[in-house]
């Protein structure tokens, strides 16, 4: 994989669910860009299975997951299993990049 500059806001990202967020029904997803916070929102509908919280946490982990995938794809062994994993990593990276 070529080393391209990321087009997304770099991590780390975090989630917050303050009382104000709860009242309005969302989780904040916060990233720091230079000296300012970039804030996104993920709906929170108080699902009984708590999937909203889990989805917000997964989104917040995206920059670290992307970095790990990019590093791992180049370290896969040349055997069949390693190439299968590398292919899966490349597909996940392409999906994350909107390709």
Protein backbone atom coordinates (compact mmCIF):
# COMPACT_ATOMS: atom_id res chain seq x y z
CA UNK A 1 0.00 0.00 0.00
CA UNK A 2 1.25 3.44 -0.72
CA UNK A 3 1.57 5.79 2.16
CA UNK A 4 -0.97 8.52 1.37
CA UNK A 5 -1.93 11.39 3.63
CA UNK A 6 -5.17 10.55 5.43
CA UNK A 7 -8.20 12.55 4.35
CA UNK A 8 -10.02 11.93 7.62
CA UNK A 9 -9.51 13.82 10.86
CA UNK A 10 -6.62 12.06 12.61
CA UNK A 11 -7.17 10.32 15.92
CA UNK A 12 -7.45 9.85 18.71
CA UNK A 13 -11.21 10.28 18.78
CA UNK A 14 -13.40 9.84 21.83
CA UNK A 15 -17.09 9.64 22.66
CA UNK A 16 -19.00 11.59 25.26
CA UNK A 17 -22.59 11.28 26.36
CA UNK A 18 -23.25 14.21 28.67
CA UNK A 19 -26.64 14.97 30.25
CA UNK A 20 -27.21 17.59 27.52
CA UNK A 21 -26.41 15.00 24.85
CA UNK A 22 -28.72 12.50 26.50
CA UNK A 23 -31.54 15.05 26.57
CA UNK A 24 -31.10 15.73 22.85
CA UNK A 25 -30.50 12.04 22.05
CA UNK A 26 -26.94 11.72 20.75
CA UNK A 27 -23.36 10.78 21.55
CA UNK A 28 -20.62 13.28 20.77
CA UNK A 29 -17.70 11.92 18.78
CA UNK A 30 -14.80 14.29 19.39
CA UNK A 31 -11.50 14.60 17.55
CA UNK A 32 -8.80 17.19 18.13
CA UNK A 33 -7.61 19.00 14.99
CA UNK A 34 -4.78 21.44 15.62
CA UNK A 35 -6.10 23.25 18.69
CA UNK A 36 -9.83 22.86 18.08
CA UNK A 37 -12.30 20.07 18.73
CA UNK A 38 -14.11 18.64 15.73
CA UNK A 39 -17.40 17.27 16.95
CA UNK A 40 -19.65 14.77 15.22
CA UNK A 41 -22.84 13.22 16.49
CA UNK A 42 -24.12 9.68 16.62
CA UNK A 43 -27.80 9.15 17.46
CA UNK A 44 -28.59 7.61 20.83
CA UNK A 45 -32.06 6.22 21.10
CA UNK A 46 -31.52 4.35 24.35
CA UNK A 47 -31.78 0.97 22.68
CA UNK A 48 -32.23 -1.84 25.18
CA UNK A 49 -29.25 -3.67 23.65
CA UNK A 50 -27.01 -0.58 24.04
CA UNK A 51 -26.00 -0.75 20.35
CA UNK A 52 -25.94 3.06 20.01
CA UNK A 53 -23.16 3.30 22.59
CA UNK A 54 -21.26 0.45 20.94
CA UNK A 55 -21.62 2.05 17.48
CA UNK A 56 -20.33 5.40 18.78
CA UNK A 57 -17.36 3.63 20.41
CA UNK A 58 -16.58 1.79 17.16
CA UNK A 59 -16.63 5.06 15.20
CA UNK A 60 -14.36 6.69 17.78
CA UNK A 61 -11.89 3.79 17.40
CA UNK A 62 -11.80 4.16 13.59
CA UNK A 63 -8.50 6.11 13.29
CA UNK A 64 -6.62 3.57 15.42
CA UNK A 65 -8.20 0.64 13.57
CA UNK A 66 -7.28 2.18 10.22
CA UNK A 67 -3.68 2.69 11.32
CA UNK A 68 -3.45 -0.89 12.59
CA UNK A 69 -4.84 -2.25 9.30
CA UNK A 70 -2.42 -0.16 7.25
CA UNK A 71 0.52 -1.38 9.32
CA UNK A 72 -0.59 -5.02 9.39
CA UNK A 73 -1.28 -5.37 5.66
CA UNK A 74 2.43 -4.95 4.92
CA UNK A 75 3.48 -7.44 7.59
CA UNK A 76 1.40 -10.42 6.47
CA UNK A 77 3.39 -13.53 5.57
CA UNK A 78 3.44 -14.64 1.94
CA UNK A 79 1.63 -17.89 2.64
CA UNK A 80 -1.99 -18.50 1.62
CA UNK A 81 -3.46 -17.53 5.00
CA UNK A 82 -1.35 -14.37 5.21
CA UNK A 83 -2.40 -13.31 1.73
CA UNK A 84 -6.06 -13.97 2.55
CA UNK A 85 -5.77 -11.73 5.63
CA UNK A 86 -3.91 -9.05 3.63
CA UNK A 87 -6.70 -9.09 1.06
CA UNK A 88 -9.30 -8.63 3.79
CA UNK A 89 -7.30 -5.76 5.27
CA UNK A 90 -6.97 -4.06 1.86
CA UNK A 91 -10.74 -4.38 1.33
CA UNK A 92 -11.46 -2.87 4.75
CA UNK A 93 -9.02 0.00 4.09
CA UNK A 94 -10.58 0.69 0.68
CA UNK A 95 -14.07 0.71 2.23
CA UNK A 96 -12.92 3.12 4.93
CA UNK A 97 -11.43 5.36 2.24
CA UNK A 98 -14.70 5.32 0.28
CA UNK A 99 -13.27 3.42 -2.68
